[in-house]
Amino acid sequence: MKKSLKERAAQLSATLEIMEGRDKAEMDNLIGQHVTINDFDFLAGDKGEDFAVFTIAEMPQVFFFGGGVISDHLKTLENDGYKDAIKVEGLPVKFEKKKSKNNRFYVNAILFPED
């Protein structure tokens, strides 16, 4: 069933606590860098899928909207009970641009990168 205009408008203006007092930063700023995710939450997308909103220890004044790969990783880790560990210990990540089989670019997330 389609949402009412009021419900949809409220959803558009919804923010998470993790976003309050921080500016939005672009994922492109993280490509090729080693960073540490230290908090995350999820917002519902237009098509019903959840996507991650996260912060990194290296830039505490900003938040990032995560793409599909990091959102899937963080959802799995949360479901497996690791959210508190990530908030305490941090989750090392390296982001890189990749090209899919369909020649579309996306941002890949390497957890605990070795390089």
N, C-alpha and C. Protein backbone atom coordinates (compact mmCIF):
# COMPACT_ATOMS: atom_id res chain seq x y z
N MET A 1 0.84 -1.19 0.00
CA MET A 1 0.00 0.00 0.00
C MET A 1 0.88 1.25 0.00
N LYS A 2 0.49 2.21 -0.76
CA LYS A 2 1.24 3.45 -0.89
C LYS A 2 1.12 4.28 0.39
N LYS A 3 2.23 4.89 0.78
CA LYS A 3 2.25 5.74 1.97
C LYS A 3 1.52 7.04 1.70
N SER A 4 1.00 7.63 2.77
CA SER A 4 0.38 8.94 2.62
C SER A 4 1.48 9.97 2.40
N LEU A 5 1.12 11.12 1.89
CA LEU A 5 2.07 12.19 1.66
C LEU A 5 2.76 12.57 2.97
N LYS A 6 2.00 12.63 4.04
CA LYS A 6 2.56 13.00 5.35
C LYS A 6 3.59 11.97 5.82
N GLU A 7 3.28 10.69 5.66
CA GLU A 7 4.21 9.63 6.05
C GLU A 7 5.50 9.69 5.24
N ARG A 8 5.35 9.90 3.93
CA ARG A 8 6.52 9.96 3.06
C ARG A 8 7.38 11.18 3.36
N ALA A 9 6.74 12.33 3.61
CA ALA A 9 7.47 13.55 3.95
C ALA A 9 8.22 13.38 5.27
N ALA A 10 7.62 12.73 6.23
CA ALA A 10 8.29 12.49 7.51
C ALA A 10 9.50 11.59 7.32
N GLN A 11 9.37 10.61 6.44
CA GLN A 11 10.49 9.70 6.16
C GLN A 11 11.65 10.45 5.52
N LEU A 12 11.36 11.39 4.64
CA LEU A 12 12.40 12.16 3.96
C LEU A 12 13.19 13.03 4.93
N SER A 13 12.53 13.52 5.95
CA SER A 13 13.21 14.40 6.89
C SER A 13 13.78 13.66 8.10
N ALA A 14 13.64 12.34 8.11
CA ALA A 14 14.13 11.54 9.23
C ALA A 14 15.65 11.57 9.29
N THR A 15 16.17 11.72 10.48
CA THR A 15 17.60 11.64 10.68
C THR A 15 17.88 10.67 11.82
N LEU A 16 19.09 10.23 11.88
CA LEU A 16 19.52 9.33 12.94
C LEU A 16 20.36 10.11 13.94
N GLU A 17 20.41 9.62 15.14
CA GLU A 17 21.23 10.26 16.18
C GLU A 17 22.69 10.40 15.73
N ILE A 18 23.18 9.41 15.02
CA ILE A 18 24.56 9.41 14.55
C ILE A 18 24.84 10.59 13.61
N MET A 19 23.80 11.14 12.97
CA MET A 19 23.95 12.23 12.02
C MET A 19 23.91 13.61 12.69
N GLU A 20 23.32 13.68 13.86
CA GLU A 20 23.12 14.97 14.52
C GLU A 20 24.45 15.60 14.92
N GLY A 21 24.59 16.89 14.57
CA GLY A 21 25.80 17.62 14.91
C GLY A 21 26.98 17.33 14.01
N ARG A 22 26.74 16.55 12.96
CA ARG A 22 27.80 16.20 12.01
C ARG A 22 27.39 16.63 10.61
N ASP A 23 28.38 16.87 9.76
CA ASP A 23 28.13 17.17 8.36
C ASP A 23 28.23 15.88 7.55
N LYS A 24 27.53 15.85 6.42
CA LYS A 24 27.60 14.71 5.52
C LYS A 24 28.88 14.84 4.68
N ALA A 25 29.60 13.74 4.57
CA ALA A 25 30.80 13.70 3.74
C ALA A 25 30.57 12.69 2.61
N GLU A 26 31.38 12.78 1.58
CA GLU A 26 31.23 11.92 0.41
C GLU A 26 32.12 10.69 0.49
N MET A 27 31.59 9.56 0.08
CA MET A 27 32.35 8.31 0.07
C MET A 27 33.60 8.42 -0.81
N ASP A 28 33.53 9.23 -1.86
CA ASP A 28 34.69 9.39 -2.74
C ASP A 28 35.92 9.87 -1.97
N ASN A 29 35.72 10.56 -0.85
CA ASN A 29 36.84 11.03 -0.03
C ASN A 29 37.57 9.88 0.67
N LEU A 30 36.95 8.72 0.71
CA LEU A 30 37.53 7.57 1.42
C LEU A 30 38.20 6.56 0.49
N ILE A 31 38.04 6.73 -0.81
CA ILE A 31 38.59 5.75 -1.76
C ILE A 31 40.11 5.65 -1.59
N GLY A 32 40.59 4.41 -1.40
CA GLY A 32 42.01 4.16 -1.27
C GLY A 32 42.58 4.38 0.12
N GLN A 33 41.76 4.84 1.04
CA GLN A 33 42.24 5.12 2.40
C GLN A 33 41.90 3.97 3.35
N HIS A 34 42.74 3.83 4.35
CA HIS A 34 42.45 2.93 5.47
C HIS A 34 41.78 3.78 6.55
N VAL A 35 40.57 3.39 6.93
CA VAL A 35 39.83 4.13 7.97
C VAL A 35 39.25 3.13 8.96
N THR A 36 38.73 3.65 10.06
CA THR A 36 38.16 2.81 11.10
C THR A 36 36.73 3.23 11.38
N ILE A 37 35.78 2.38 11.01
CA ILE A 37 34.38 2.65 11.33
C ILE A 37 34.20 2.45 12.82
N ASN A 38 33.63 3.46 13.48
CA ASN A 38 33.46 3.36 14.93
C ASN A 38 32.01 3.48 15.38
N ASP A 39 31.08 3.67 14.46
CA ASP A 39 29.66 3.65 14.79
C ASP A 39 28.87 3.58 13.49
N PHE A 40 27.68 3.02 13.57
CA PHE A 40 26.82 2.93 12.39
C PHE A 40 25.38 2.71 12.80
N ASP A 41 24.51 3.02 11.87
CA ASP A 41 23.08 2.76 12.02
C ASP A 41 22.53 2.61 10.62
N PHE A 42 21.22 2.43 10.50
CA PHE A 42 20.63 2.20 9.19
C PHE A 42 19.42 3.09 8.96
N LEU A 43 19.27 3.57 7.74
CA LEU A 43 18.09 4.29 7.28
C LEU A 43 17.41 3.43 6.21
N ALA A 44 16.09 3.54 6.15
CA ALA A 44 15.36 2.83 5.11
C ALA A 44 15.43 3.60 3.81
N GLY A 45 15.77 2.92 2.74
CA GLY A 45 15.83 3.54 1.42
C GLY A 45 14.46 3.60 0.79
N ASP A 46 14.38 4.22 -0.36
CA ASP A 46 13.11 4.37 -1.08
C ASP A 46 12.48 3.05 -1.46
N LYS A 47 13.30 2.06 -1.72
CA LYS A 47 12.79 0.76 -2.18
C LYS A 47 12.69 -0.26 -1.05
N GLY A 48 12.74 0.23 0.20
CA GLY A 48 12.58 -0.65 1.34
C GLY A 48 13.86 -1.26 1.88
N GLU A 49 14.96 -1.12 1.15
CA GLU A 49 16.23 -1.68 1.63
C GLU A 49 16.85 -0.72 2.66
N ASP A 50 17.58 -1.29 3.60
CA ASP A 50 18.29 -0.47 4.58
C ASP A 50 19.67 -0.14 4.04
N PHE A 51 20.12 1.09 4.28
CA PHE A 51 21.49 1.43 3.93
C PHE A 51 22.17 2.03 5.14
N ALA A 52 23.47 1.79 5.23
CA ALA A 52 24.24 2.19 6.40
C ALA A 52 24.55 3.69 6.40
N VAL A 53 24.52 4.23 7.59
CA VAL A 53 25.06 5.56 7.87
C VAL A 53 26.13 5.30 8.92
N PHE A 54 27.37 5.75 8.66
CA PHE A 54 28.44 5.41 9.58
C PHE A 54 29.38 6.59 9.82
N THR A 55 30.14 6.48 10.90
CA THR A 55 31.17 7.45 11.23
C THR A 55 32.51 6.72 11.27
N ILE A 56 33.59 7.51 11.12
CA ILE A 56 34.92 6.94 11.20
C ILE A 56 35.73 7.70 12.25
N ALA A 57 36.62 6.99 12.90
CA ALA A 57 37.43 7.57 13.98
C ALA A 57 38.29 8.73 13.47
N GLU A 58 38.74 8.64 12.24
CA GLU A 58 39.66 9.63 11.69
C GLU A 58 39.00 10.97 11.39
N MET A 59 37.68 10.99 11.25
CA MET A 59 36.95 12.22 10.93
C MET A 59 35.65 12.26 11.75
N PRO A 60 35.74 12.50 13.06
CA PRO A 60 34.55 12.40 13.92
C PRO A 60 33.48 13.46 13.66
N GLN A 61 33.80 14.50 12.92
CA GLN A 61 32.86 15.58 12.69
C GLN A 61 31.91 15.32 11.52
N VAL A 62 32.05 14.18 10.83
CA VAL A 62 31.23 13.88 9.66
C VAL A 62 30.62 12.48 9.74
N PHE A 63 29.63 12.26 8.88
CA PHE A 63 29.06 10.92 8.70
C PHE A 63 29.03 10.63 7.20
N PHE A 64 28.86 9.36 6.87
CA PHE A 64 28.84 8.90 5.49
C PHE A 64 27.61 8.04 5.26
N PHE A 65 27.02 8.16 4.07
CA PHE A 65 26.00 7.23 3.63
C PHE A 65 26.72 6.12 2.90
N GLY A 66 26.57 4.90 3.39
CA GLY A 66 27.26 3.77 2.79
C GLY A 66 26.52 3.20 1.59
N GLY A 67 27.26 2.61 0.69
CA GLY A 67 26.67 1.93 -0.45
C GLY A 67 26.25 0.51 -0.08
N GLY A 68 25.89 -0.24 -1.09
CA GLY A 68 25.37 -1.59 -0.87
C GLY A 68 26.33 -2.54 -0.20
N VAL A 69 27.60 -2.49 -0.58
CA VAL A 69 28.57 -3.46 -0.05
C VAL A 69 28.79 -3.24 1.45
N ILE A 70 29.13 -2.02 1.85
CA ILE A 70 29.38 -1.78 3.28
C ILE A 70 28.09 -1.91 4.09
N SER A 71 26.96 -1.54 3.50
CA SER A 71 25.68 -1.71 4.21
C SER A 71 25.42 -3.19 4.48
N ASP A 72 25.67 -4.04 3.49
CA ASP A 72 25.48 -5.48 3.68
C ASP A 72 26.43 -6.03 4.74
N HIS A 73 27.70 -5.61 4.68
CA HIS A 73 28.68 -6.08 5.68
C HIS A 73 28.25 -5.67 7.09
N LEU A 74 27.88 -4.40 7.25
CA LEU A 74 27.52 -3.91 8.58
C LEU A 74 26.24 -4.55 9.08
N LYS A 75 25.28 -4.80 8.21
CA LYS A 75 24.04 -5.47 8.61
C LYS A 75 24.35 -6.89 9.09
N THR A 76 25.22 -7.60 8.38
CA THR A 76 25.60 -8.95 8.78
C THR A 76 26.30 -8.93 10.14
N LEU A 77 27.26 -8.02 10.30
CA LEU A 77 27.98 -7.93 11.58
C LEU A 77 27.04 -7.56 12.73
N GLU A 78 26.11 -6.67 12.47
CA GLU A 78 25.13 -6.31 13.52
C GLU A 78 24.27 -7.52 13.87
N ASN A 79 23.78 -8.23 12.86
CA ASN A 79 22.95 -9.42 13.10
C ASN A 79 23.72 -10.50 13.84
N ASP A 80 25.04 -10.54 13.64
CA ASP A 80 25.87 -11.53 14.33
C ASP A 80 26.32 -11.06 15.72
N GLY A 81 25.87 -9.86 16.14
CA GLY A 81 26.14 -9.38 17.49
C GLY A 81 27.43 -8.58 17.67
N TYR A 82 27.99 -8.03 16.60
CA TYR A 82 29.28 -7.33 16.69
C TYR A 82 29.18 -5.81 16.76
N LYS A 83 27.99 -5.25 16.84
CA LYS A 83 27.87 -3.78 16.83
C LYS A 83 28.62 -3.14 18.01
N ASP A 84 28.45 -3.67 19.19
CA ASP A 84 29.14 -3.11 20.36
C ASP A 84 30.65 -3.22 20.21
N ALA A 85 31.14 -4.32 19.68
CA ALA A 85 32.58 -4.48 19.46
C ALA A 85 33.10 -3.44 18.47
N ILE A 86 32.33 -3.16 17.44
CA ILE A 86 32.74 -2.15 16.46
C ILE A 86 32.80 -0.79 17.12
N LYS A 87 31.84 -0.48 17.99
CA LYS A 87 31.84 0.82 18.67
C LYS A 87 33.02 0.96 19.62
N VAL A 88 33.45 -0.14 20.22
CA VAL A 88 34.56 -0.11 21.17
C VAL A 88 35.92 -0.24 20.47
N GLU A 89 36.05 -1.25 19.63
CA GLU A 89 37.34 -1.57 19.01
C GLU A 89 37.56 -0.89 17.65
N GLY A 90 36.46 -0.60 16.96
CA GLY A 90 36.55 -0.06 15.61
C GLY A 90 36.68 -1.17 14.58
N LEU A 91 36.26 -0.88 13.36
CA LEU A 91 36.31 -1.84 12.27
C LEU A 91 37.18 -1.26 11.16
N PRO A 92 38.41 -1.78 10.99
CA PRO A 92 39.29 -1.28 9.93
C PRO A 92 38.72 -1.64 8.54
N VAL A 93 38.71 -0.64 7.68
CA VAL A 93 38.15 -0.81 6.34
C VAL A 93 38.99 -0.03 5.33
N LYS A 94 39.08 -0.59 4.14
CA LYS A 94 39.65 0.14 3.01
C LYS A 94 38.60 0.13 1.91
N PHE A 95 38.27 1.31 1.40
CA PHE A 95 37.28 1.42 0.34
C PHE A 95 37.99 1.56 -1.00
N GLU A 96 37.44 0.89 -2.01
CA GLU A 96 38.01 0.99 -3.35
C GLU A 96 36.89 0.96 -4.38
N LYS A 97 37.12 1.65 -5.49
CA LYS A 97 36.15 1.62 -6.60
C LYS A 97 36.42 0.37 -7.42
N LYS A 98 35.34 -0.29 -7.79
CA LYS A 98 35.41 -1.50 -8.61
C LYS A 98 34.43 -1.36 -9.76
N LYS A 99 34.67 -2.12 -10.81
CA LYS A 99 33.75 -2.16 -11.94
C LYS A 99 33.07 -3.51 -11.95
N SER A 100 31.76 -3.50 -12.01
CA SER A 100 30.99 -4.75 -12.01
C SER A 100 31.05 -5.42 -13.38
N LYS A 101 30.51 -6.62 -13.46
CA LYS A 101 30.44 -7.34 -14.72
C LYS A 101 29.60 -6.58 -15.74
N ASN A 102 28.70 -5.73 -15.23
CA ASN A 102 27.83 -4.93 -16.11
C ASN A 102 28.45 -3.58 -16.44
N ASN A 103 29.75 -3.42 -16.14
CA ASN A 103 30.48 -2.17 -16.40
C ASN A 103 29.95 -0.98 -15.61
N ARG A 104 29.42 -1.25 -14.43
CA ARG A 104 28.97 -0.18 -13.54
C ARG A 104 29.95 -0.10 -12.37
N PHE A 105 30.25 1.12 -11.94
CA PHE A 105 31.18 1.30 -10.83
C PHE A 105 30.43 1.24 -9.50
N TYR A 106 31.09 0.68 -8.52
CA TYR A 106 30.56 0.64 -7.15
C TYR A 106 31.74 0.74 -6.19
N VAL A 107 31.43 0.98 -4.91
CA VAL A 107 32.47 1.10 -3.89
C VAL A 107 32.52 -0.21 -3.11
N ASN A 108 33.66 -0.88 -3.19
CA ASN A 108 33.89 -2.11 -2.45
C ASN A 108 34.49 -1.77 -1.08
N ALA A 109 34.23 -2.61 -0.11
CA ALA A 109 34.76 -2.41 1.24
C ALA A 109 35.55 -3.64 1.64
N ILE A 110 36.84 -3.45 1.89
CA ILE A 110 37.70 -4.54 2.35
C ILE A 110 37.83 -4.41 3.86
N LEU A 111 37.32 -5.40 4.58
CA LEU A 111 37.39 -5.37 6.04
C LEU A 111 38.73 -5.93 6.50
N PHE A 112 39.33 -5.30 7.47
CA PHE A 112 40.66 -5.67 7.97
C PHE A 112 41.65 -5.82 6.81
N PRO A 113 41.86 -4.74 6.05
CA PRO A 113 42.77 -4.81 4.89
C PRO A 113 44.19 -5.12 5.31
N GLU A 114 44.90 -5.86 4.49
CA GLU A 114 46.28 -6.27 4.77
C GLU A 114 47.30 -5.27 4.26
N ASP A 115 46.96 -4.49 3.23
CA ASP A 115 47.96 -3.58 2.64
C ASP A 115 47.92 -2.20 3.27
